[in-house]
Amino acid sequence: MNQHLNRSLLAIVQQWDPFGYGIDAYEIEAMDVVRAVYEYDDVEKLARKIQAIYEFAFEQKIPLTKCITLARELLLMKEDSECAL
């Protein structure tokens, strides 16, 4: 795994505050999402995984459209990183 990409992905996910708890509330979930980026290349599958990670931790469901927006951004970063190699 590319350390620079990991830091960039983590920074994006950590800034995402889907429940309004403050960006420090999601440290474990953010790391889980970064791992998931390497498991999925499909936006919707990644979005559903993101939704499941946060729902498991907070017992609240994030609208899938919000998860799709994040998933799209993360997968674009991953693709850009792979193209640069």
PDB file of N, CA and C in Angstrom:
ATOM      1  N   MET A   1       0.835  -1.198   0.000  1.00  0.00           N
ATOM      2  CA  MET A   1       0.000   0.000   0.000  1.00  0.00           C
ATOM      3  C   MET A   1       0.874   1.254   0.000  1.00  0.00           C
ATOM      4  N   ASN A   2       0.456   2.217  -0.707  1.00  0.00           N
ATOM      5  CA  ASN A   2       1.168   3.467  -0.868  1.00  0.00           C
ATOM      6  C   ASN A   2       0.916   4.375   0.344  1.00  0.00           C
ATOM      7  N   GLN A   3       1.970   4.697   1.092  1.00  0.00           N
ATOM      8  CA  GLN A   3       1.806   5.504   2.312  1.00  0.00           C
ATOM      9  C   GLN A   3       1.262   6.900   2.021  1.00  0.00           C
ATOM     10  N   HIS A   4       1.717   7.508   0.945  1.00  0.00           N
ATOM     11  CA  HIS A   4       1.231   8.847   0.598  1.00  0.00           C
ATOM     12  C   HIS A   4      -0.266   8.799   0.284  1.00  0.00           C
ATOM     13  N   LEU A   5      -0.662   7.796  -0.489  1.00  0.00           N
ATOM     14  CA  LEU A   5      -2.080   7.629  -0.817  1.00  0.00           C
ATOM     15  C   LEU A   5      -2.883   7.381   0.457  1.00  0.00           C
ATOM     16  N   ASN A   6      -2.370   6.523   1.318  1.00  0.00           N
ATOM     17  CA  ASN A   6      -3.081   6.241   2.573  1.00  0.00           C
ATOM     18  C   ASN A   6      -3.315   7.507   3.389  1.00  0.00           C
ATOM     19  N   ARG A   7      -2.294   8.334   3.494  1.00  0.00           N
ATOM     20  CA  ARG A   7      -2.435   9.588   4.260  1.00  0.00           C
ATOM     21  C   ARG A   7      -3.457  10.510   3.599  1.00  0.00           C
ATOM     22  N   SER A   8      -3.424  10.581   2.278  1.00  0.00           N
ATOM     23  CA  SER A   8      -4.372  11.433   1.554  1.00  0.00           C
ATOM     24  C   SER A   8      -5.804  10.931   1.728  1.00  0.00           C
ATOM     25  N   LEU A   9      -5.991   9.622   1.586  1.00  0.00           N
ATOM     26  CA  LEU A   9      -7.320   9.033   1.766  1.00  0.00           C
ATOM     27  C   LEU A   9      -7.823   9.265   3.183  1.00  0.00           C
ATOM     28  N   LEU A  10      -6.950   9.022   4.148  1.00  0.00           N
ATOM     29  CA  LEU A  10      -7.323   9.185   5.554  1.00  0.00           C
ATOM     30  C   LEU A  10      -7.712  10.634   5.850  1.00  0.00           C
ATOM     31  N   ALA A  11      -6.984  11.571   5.281  1.00  0.00           N
ATOM     32  CA  ALA A  11      -7.292  12.987   5.496  1.00  0.00           C
ATOM     33  C   ALA A  11      -8.684  13.326   4.976  1.00  0.00           C
ATOM     34  N   ILE A  12      -9.033  12.802   3.813  1.00  0.00           N
ATOM     35  CA  ILE A  12     -10.361  13.056   3.241  1.00  0.00           C
ATOM     36  C   ILE A  12     -11.445  12.450   4.129  1.00  0.00           C
ATOM     37  N   VAL A  13     -11.252  11.199   4.523  1.00  0.00           N
ATOM     38  CA  VAL A  13     -12.269  10.516   5.326  1.00  0.00           C
ATOM     39  C   VAL A  13     -12.403  11.178   6.699  1.00  0.00           C
ATOM     40  N   GLN A  14     -11.287  11.591   7.282  1.00  0.00           N
ATOM     41  CA  GLN A  14     -11.350  12.225   8.603  1.00  0.00           C
ATOM     42  C   GLN A  14     -12.074  13.565   8.566  1.00  0.00           C
ATOM     43  N   GLN A  15     -12.050  14.250   7.431  1.00  0.00           N
ATOM     44  CA  GLN A  15     -12.760  15.527   7.306  1.00  0.00           C
ATOM     45  C   GLN A  15     -14.264  15.335   7.141  1.00  0.00           C
ATOM     46  N   TRP A  16     -14.648  14.131   6.761  1.00  0.00           N
ATOM     47  CA  TRP A  16     -16.062  13.812   6.538  1.00  0.00           C
ATOM     48  C   TRP A  16     -16.732  13.657   7.901  1.00  0.00           C
ATOM     49  N   ASP A  17     -17.777  14.373   8.135  1.00  0.00           N
ATOM     50  CA  ASP A  17     -18.447  14.359   9.437  1.00  0.00           C
ATOM     51  C   ASP A  17     -19.941  14.094   9.223  1.00  0.00           C
ATOM     52  N   PRO A  18     -20.294  12.846   8.887  1.00  0.00           N
ATOM     53  CA  PRO A  18     -21.669  12.557   8.476  1.00  0.00           C
ATOM     54  C   PRO A  18     -22.732  12.756   9.554  1.00  0.00           C
ATOM     55  N   PHE A  19     -22.336  12.701  10.815  1.00  0.00           N
ATOM     56  CA  PHE A  19     -23.322  12.835  11.890  1.00  0.00           C
ATOM     57  C   PHE A  19     -23.192  14.138  12.668  1.00  0.00           C
ATOM     58  N   GLY A  20     -22.229  14.969  12.304  1.00  0.00           N
ATOM     59  CA  GLY A  20     -22.047  16.235  12.995  1.00  0.00           C
ATOM     60  C   GLY A  20     -21.455  16.104  14.392  1.00  0.00           C
ATOM     61  N   TYR A  21     -20.692  15.033  14.618  1.00  0.00           N
ATOM     62  CA  TYR A  21     -20.077  14.810  15.942  1.00  0.00           C
ATOM     63  C   TYR A  21     -18.708  15.462  16.063  1.00  0.00           C
ATOM     64  N   GLY A  22     -18.197  16.029  14.997  1.00  0.00           N
ATOM     65  CA  GLY A  22     -16.841  16.568  14.992  1.00  0.00           C
ATOM     66  C   GLY A  22     -15.905  15.552  14.366  1.00  0.00           C
ATOM     67  N   ILE A  23     -14.906  16.047  13.672  1.00  0.00           N
ATOM     68  CA  ILE A  23     -14.062  15.145  12.883  1.00  0.00           C
ATOM     69  C   ILE A  23     -13.226  14.176  13.722  1.00  0.00           C
ATOM     70  N   ASP A  24     -13.079  14.432  15.013  1.00  0.00           N
ATOM     71  CA  ASP A  24     -12.300  13.523  15.853  1.00  0.00           C
ATOM     72  C   ASP A  24     -13.092  12.291  16.291  1.00  0.00           C
ATOM     73  N   ALA A  25     -14.363  12.227  15.958  1.00  0.00           N
ATOM     74  CA  ALA A  25     -15.227  11.152  16.437  1.00  0.00           C
ATOM     75  C   ALA A  25     -15.144   9.873  15.608  1.00  0.00           C
ATOM     76  N   TYR A  26     -14.393   9.906  14.511  1.00  0.00           N
ATOM     77  CA  TYR A  26     -14.471   8.801  13.550  1.00  0.00           C
ATOM     78  C   TYR A  26     -13.127   8.139  13.243  1.00  0.00           C
ATOM     79  N   GLU A  27     -12.206   8.156  14.158  1.00  0.00           N
ATOM     80  CA  GLU A  27     -10.855   7.683  13.865  1.00  0.00           C
ATOM     81  C   GLU A  27     -10.817   6.225  13.392  1.00  0.00           C
ATOM     82  N   ILE A  28     -11.457   5.337  14.123  1.00  0.00           N
ATOM     83  CA  ILE A  28     -11.451   3.909  13.768  1.00  0.00           C
ATOM     84  C   ILE A  28     -12.188   3.688  12.451  1.00  0.00           C
ATOM     85  N   GLU A  29     -13.323   4.343  12.301  1.00  0.00           N
ATOM     86  CA  GLU A  29     -14.107   4.188  11.082  1.00  0.00           C
ATOM     87  C   GLU A  29     -13.333   4.686   9.862  1.00  0.00           C
ATOM     88  N   ALA A  30     -12.610   5.783  10.026  1.00  0.00           N
ATOM     89  CA  ALA A  30     -11.815   6.328   8.923  1.00  0.00           C
ATOM     90  C   ALA A  30     -10.777   5.313   8.451  1.00  0.00           C
ATOM     91  N   MET A  31     -10.120   4.644   9.384  1.00  0.00           N
ATOM     92  CA  MET A  31      -9.120   3.637   9.003  1.00  0.00           C
ATOM     93  C   MET A  31      -9.783   2.450   8.307  1.00  0.00           C
ATOM     94  N   ASP A  32     -10.971   2.065   8.785  1.00  0.00           N
ATOM     95  CA  ASP A  32     -11.711   0.975   8.139  1.00  0.00           C
ATOM     96  C   ASP A  32     -12.098   1.343   6.706  1.00  0.00           C
ATOM     97  N   VAL A  33     -12.479   2.586   6.496  1.00  0.00           N
ATOM     98  CA  VAL A  33     -12.854   3.045   5.150  1.00  0.00           C
ATOM     99  C   VAL A  33     -11.638   3.020   4.228  1.00  0.00           C
ATOM    100  N   VAL A  34     -10.490   3.468   4.713  1.00  0.00           N
ATOM    101  CA  VAL A  34      -9.268   3.435   3.887  1.00  0.00           C
ATOM    102  C   VAL A  34      -8.944   1.995   3.478  1.00  0.00           C
ATOM    103  N   ARG A  35      -9.069   1.064   4.403  1.00  0.00           N
ATOM    104  CA  ARG A  35      -8.835  -0.347   4.052  1.00  0.00           C
ATOM    105  C   ARG A  35      -9.822  -0.807   2.978  1.00  0.00           C
ATOM    106  N   ALA A  36     -11.064  -0.382   3.102  1.00  0.00           N
ATOM    107  CA  ALA A  36     -12.101  -0.785   2.149  1.00  0.00           C
ATOM    108  C   ALA A  36     -11.817  -0.252   0.746  1.00  0.00           C
ATOM    109  N   VAL A  37     -11.172   0.898   0.651  1.00  0.00           N
ATOM    110  CA  VAL A  37     -10.837   1.472  -0.667  1.00  0.00           C
ATOM    111  C   VAL A  37      -9.982   0.491  -1.467  1.00  0.00           C
ATOM    112  N   TYR A  38      -9.139  -0.272  -0.773  1.00  0.00           N
ATOM    113  CA  TYR A  38      -8.288  -1.240  -1.458  1.00  0.00           C
ATOM    114  C   TYR A  38      -9.043  -2.522  -1.805  1.00  0.00           C
ATOM    115  N   GLU A  39     -10.190  -2.748  -1.172  1.00  0.00           N
ATOM    116  CA  GLU A  39     -10.976  -3.961  -1.427  1.00  0.00           C
ATOM    117  C   GLU A  39     -11.979  -3.784  -2.567  1.00  0.00           C
ATOM    118  N   TYR A  40     -12.395  -2.565  -2.824  1.00  0.00           N
ATOM    119  CA  TYR A  40     -13.463  -2.317  -3.792  1.00  0.00           C
ATOM    120  C   TYR A  40     -13.018  -1.332  -4.873  1.00  0.00           C
ATOM    121  N   ASP A  41     -13.408  -1.631  -6.104  1.00  0.00           N
ATOM    122  CA  ASP A  41     -13.167  -0.703  -7.211  1.00  0.00           C
ATOM    123  C   ASP A  41     -14.487  -0.134  -7.729  1.00  0.00           C
ATOM    124  N   ASP A  42     -15.593  -0.640  -7.212  1.00  0.00           N
ATOM    125  CA  ASP A  42     -16.923  -0.217  -7.639  1.00  0.00           C
ATOM    126  C   ASP A  42     -17.463   0.830  -6.652  1.00  0.00           C
ATOM    127  N   VAL A  43     -17.898   1.967  -7.174  1.00  0.00           N
ATOM    128  CA  VAL A  43     -18.356   3.069  -6.323  1.00  0.00           C
ATOM    129  C   VAL A  43     -19.501   2.639  -5.408  1.00  0.00           C
ATOM    130  N   GLU A  44     -20.497   1.979  -5.969  1.00  0.00           N
ATOM    131  CA  GLU A  44     -21.654   1.615  -5.144  1.00  0.00           C
ATOM    132  C   GLU A  44     -21.301   0.583  -4.071  1.00  0.00           C
ATOM    133  N   LYS A  45     -20.462  -0.381  -4.410  1.00  0.00           N
ATOM    134  CA  LYS A  45     -20.054  -1.385  -3.413  1.00  0.00           C
ATOM    135  C   LYS A  45     -19.264  -0.729  -2.285  1.00  0.00           C
ATOM    136  N   LEU A  46     -18.355   0.169  -2.646  1.00  0.00           N
ATOM    137  CA  LEU A  46     -17.596   0.879  -1.622  1.00  0.00           C
ATOM    138  C   LEU A  46     -18.533   1.750  -0.784  1.00  0.00           C
ATOM    139  N   ALA A  47     -19.468   2.416  -1.426  1.00  0.00           N
ATOM    140  CA  ALA A  47     -20.419   3.270  -0.703  1.00  0.00           C
ATOM    141  C   ALA A  47     -21.225   2.448   0.303  1.00  0.00           C
ATOM    142  N   ARG A  48     -21.659   1.275  -0.100  1.00  0.00           N
ATOM    143  CA  ARG A  48     -22.424   0.408   0.819  1.00  0.00           C
ATOM    144  C   ARG A  48     -21.549  -0.053   1.983  1.00  0.00           C
ATOM    145  N   LYS A  49     -20.273  -0.306   1.708  1.00  0.00           N
ATOM    146  CA  LYS A  49     -19.343  -0.696   2.773  1.00  0.00           C
ATOM    147  C   LYS A  49     -19.143   0.465   3.747  1.00  0.00           C
ATOM    148  N   ILE A  50     -18.971   1.669   3.222  1.00  0.00           N
ATOM    149  CA  ILE A  50     -18.823   2.857   4.067  1.00  0.00           C
ATOM    150  C   ILE A  50     -20.067   3.020   4.937  1.00  0.00           C
ATOM    151  N   GLN A  51     -21.222   2.890   4.325  1.00  0.00           N
ATOM    152  CA  GLN A  51     -22.490   3.008   5.053  1.00  0.00           C
ATOM    153  C   GLN A  51     -22.541   1.980   6.190  1.00  0.00           C
ATOM    154  N   ALA A  52     -22.138   0.739   5.901  1.00  0.00           N
ATOM    155  CA  ALA A  52     -22.165  -0.330   6.901  1.00  0.00           C
ATOM    156  C   ALA A  52     -21.179  -0.074   8.040  1.00  0.00           C
ATOM    157  N   ILE A  53     -19.995   0.427   7.724  1.00  0.00           N
ATOM    158  CA  ILE A  53     -18.983   0.717   8.757  1.00  0.00           C
ATOM    159  C   ILE A  53     -19.530   1.727   9.771  1.00  0.00           C
ATOM    160  N   TYR A  54     -20.101   2.802   9.271  1.00  0.00           N
ATOM    161  CA  TYR A  54     -20.612   3.846  10.167  1.00  0.00           C
ATOM    162  C   TYR A  54     -21.894   3.418  10.874  1.00  0.00           C
ATOM    163  N   GLU A  55     -22.725   2.647  10.192  1.00  0.00           N
ATOM    164  CA  GLU A  55     -23.960   2.173  10.827  1.00  0.00           C
ATOM    165  C   GLU A  55     -23.627   1.224  11.978  1.00  0.00           C
ATOM    166  N   PHE A  56     -22.639   0.360  11.779  1.00  0.00           N
ATOM    167  CA  PHE A  56     -22.227  -0.570  12.832  1.00  0.00           C
ATOM    168  C   PHE A  56     -21.726   0.193  14.055  1.00  0.00           C
ATOM    169  N   ALA A  57     -20.916   1.225  13.813  1.00  0.00           N
ATOM    170  CA  ALA A  57     -20.298   1.964  14.917  1.00  0.00           C
ATOM    171  C   ALA A  57     -21.272   2.900  15.637  1.00  0.00           C
ATOM    172  N   PHE A  58     -22.169   3.519  14.896  1.00  0.00           N
ATOM    173  CA  PHE A  58     -23.002   4.581  15.471  1.00  0.00           C
ATOM    174  C   PHE A  58     -24.495   4.252  15.503  1.00  0.00           C
ATOM    175  N   GLU A  59     -24.848   3.077  14.980  1.00  0.00           N
ATOM    176  CA  GLU A  59     -26.249   2.638  14.961  1.00  0.00           C
ATOM    177  C   GLU A  59     -27.161   3.672  14.301  1.00  0.00           C
ATOM    178  N   GLN A  60     -26.619   4.338  13.288  1.00  0.00           N
ATOM    179  CA  GLN A  60     -27.374   5.290  12.474  1.00  0.00           C
ATOM    180  C   GLN A  60     -26.977   5.044  11.024  1.00  0.00           C
ATOM    181  N   LYS A  61     -27.931   5.198  10.145  1.00  0.00           N
ATOM    182  CA  LYS A  61     -27.654   4.966   8.726  1.00  0.00           C
ATOM    183  C   LYS A  61     -27.424   6.301   8.012  1.00  0.00           C
ATOM    184  N   ILE A  62     -26.324   6.387   7.276  1.00  0.00           N
ATOM    185  CA  ILE A  62     -26.024   7.554   6.448  1.00  0.00           C
ATOM    186  C   ILE A  62     -26.721   7.316   5.111  1.00  0.00           C
ATOM    187  N   PRO A  63     -27.379   8.332   4.544  1.00  0.00           N
ATOM    188  CA  PRO A  63     -27.982   8.151   3.222  1.00  0.00           C
ATOM    189  C   PRO A  63     -26.929   7.681   2.214  1.00  0.00           C
ATOM    190  N   LEU A  64     -27.307   6.697   1.406  1.00  0.00           N
ATOM    191  CA  LEU A  64     -26.366   6.113   0.456  1.00  0.00           C
ATOM    192  C   LEU A  64     -25.786   7.163  -0.490  1.00  0.00           C
ATOM    193  N   THR A  65     -26.563   8.174  -0.842  1.00  0.00           N
ATOM    194  CA  THR A  65     -26.059   9.204  -1.767  1.00  0.00           C
ATOM    195  C   THR A  65     -24.839   9.912  -1.191  1.00  0.00           C
ATOM    196  N   LYS A  66     -24.832  10.158   0.116  1.00  0.00           N
ATOM    197  CA  LYS A  66     -23.660  10.790   0.750  1.00  0.00           C
ATOM    198  C   LYS A  66     -22.459   9.852   0.710  1.00  0.00           C
ATOM    199  N   CYS A  67     -22.716   8.569   0.919  1.00  0.00           N
ATOM    200  CA  CYS A  67     -21.634   7.584   0.885  1.00  0.00           C
ATOM    201  C   CYS A  67     -21.084   7.435  -0.532  1.00  0.00           C
ATOM    202  N   ILE A  68     -21.961   7.526  -1.529  1.00  0.00           N
ATOM    203  CA  ILE A  68     -21.523   7.431  -2.924  1.00  0.00           C
ATOM    204  C   ILE A  68     -20.603   8.597  -3.271  1.00  0.00           C
ATOM    205  N   THR A  69     -20.940   9.785  -2.801  1.00  0.00           N
ATOM    206  CA  THR A  69     -20.094  10.955  -3.063  1.00  0.00           C
ATOM    207  C   THR A  69     -18.700  10.738  -2.503  1.00  0.00           C
ATOM    208  N   LEU A  70     -18.610  10.258  -1.265  1.00  0.00           N
ATOM    209  CA  LEU A  70     -17.309   9.993  -0.637  1.00  0.00           C
ATOM    210  C   LEU A  70     -16.586   8.868  -1.372  1.00  0.00           C
ATOM    211  N   ALA A  71     -17.296   7.793  -1.670  1.00  0.00           N
ATOM    212  CA  ALA A  71     -16.678   6.643  -2.348  1.00  0.00           C
ATOM    213  C   ALA A  71     -16.101   7.057  -3.695  1.00  0.00           C
ATOM    214  N   ARG A  72     -16.834   7.867  -4.434  1.00  0.00           N
ATOM    215  CA  ARG A  72     -16.375   8.325  -5.750  1.00  0.00           C
ATOM    216  C   ARG A  72     -15.064   9.111  -5.608  1.00  0.00           C
ATOM    217  N   GLU A  73     -15.027  10.008  -4.635  1.00  0.00           N
ATOM    218  CA  GLU A  73     -13.822  10.822  -4.412  1.00  0.00           C
ATOM    219  C   GLU A  73     -12.627   9.942  -4.036  1.00  0.00           C
ATOM    220  N   LEU A  74     -12.847   8.965  -3.155  1.00  0.00           N
ATOM    221  CA  LEU A  74     -11.755   8.102  -2.705  1.00  0.00           C
ATOM    222  C   LEU A  74     -11.242   7.216  -3.835  1.00  0.00           C
ATOM    223  N   LEU A  75     -12.158   6.664  -4.619  1.00  0.00           N
ATOM    224  CA  LEU A  75     -11.730   5.804  -5.721  1.00  0.00           C
ATOM    225  C   LEU A  75     -11.007   6.600  -6.805  1.00  0.00           C
ATOM    226  N   LEU A  76     -11.404   7.838  -7.017  1.00  0.00           N
ATOM    227  CA  LEU A  76     -10.691   8.701  -7.964  1.00  0.00           C
ATOM    228  C   LEU A  76      -9.259   8.942  -7.499  1.00  0.00           C
ATOM    229  N   MET A  77      -9.102   9.175  -6.212  1.00  0.00           N
ATOM    230  CA  MET A  77      -7.748   9.369  -5.662  1.00  0.00           C
ATOM    231  C   MET A  77      -6.916   8.112  -5.860  1.00  0.00           C
ATOM    232  N   LYS A  78      -7.523   6.955  -5.614  1.00  0.00           N
ATOM    233  CA  LYS A  78      -6.798   5.695  -5.775  1.00  0.00           C
ATOM    234  C   LYS A  78      -6.404   5.497  -7.234  1.00  0.00           C
ATOM    235  N   GLU A  79      -7.330   5.750  -8.151  1.00  0.00           N
ATOM    236  CA  GLU A  79      -7.036   5.605  -9.583  1.00  0.00           C
ATOM    237  C   GLU A  79      -5.926   6.555 -10.019  1.00  0.00           C
ATOM    238  N   ASP A  80      -6.004   7.798  -9.572  1.00  0.00           N
ATOM    239  CA  ASP A  80      -4.959   8.770  -9.916  1.00  0.00           C
ATOM    240  C   ASP A  80      -3.599   8.324  -9.413  1.00  0.00           C
ATOM    241  N   SER A  81      -3.569   7.753  -8.243  1.00  0.00           N
ATOM    242  CA  SER A  81      -2.319   7.284  -7.663  1.00  0.00           C
ATOM    243  C   SER A  81      -1.756   6.106  -8.471  1.00  0.00           C
ATOM    244  N   GLU A  82      -2.640   5.204  -8.891  1.00  0.00           N
ATOM    245  CA  GLU A  82      -2.193   4.046  -9.675  1.00  0.00           C
ATOM    246  C   GLU A  82      -1.691   4.477 -11.044  1.00  0.00           C
ATOM    247  N   CYS A  83      -2.322   5.481 -11.630  1.00  0.00           N
ATOM    248  CA  CYS A  83      -1.890   5.971 -12.946  1.00  0.00           C
ATOM    249  C   CYS A  83      -0.535   6.656 -12.865  1.00  0.00           C
ATOM    250  N   ALA A  84      -0.236   7.245 -11.719  1.00  0.00           N
ATOM    251  CA  ALA A  84       1.031   7.957 -11.550  1.00  0.00           C
ATOM    252  C   ALA A  84       2.216   7.014 -11.400  1.00  0.00           C
ATOM    253  N   LEU A  85       1.948   5.766 -11.058  1.00  0.00           N
ATOM    254  CA  LEU A  85       3.058   4.823 -10.831  1.00  0.00           C
ATOM    255  C   LEU A  85       3.695   4.370 -12.098  1.00  0.00           C
TER     256      LEU A  85
END
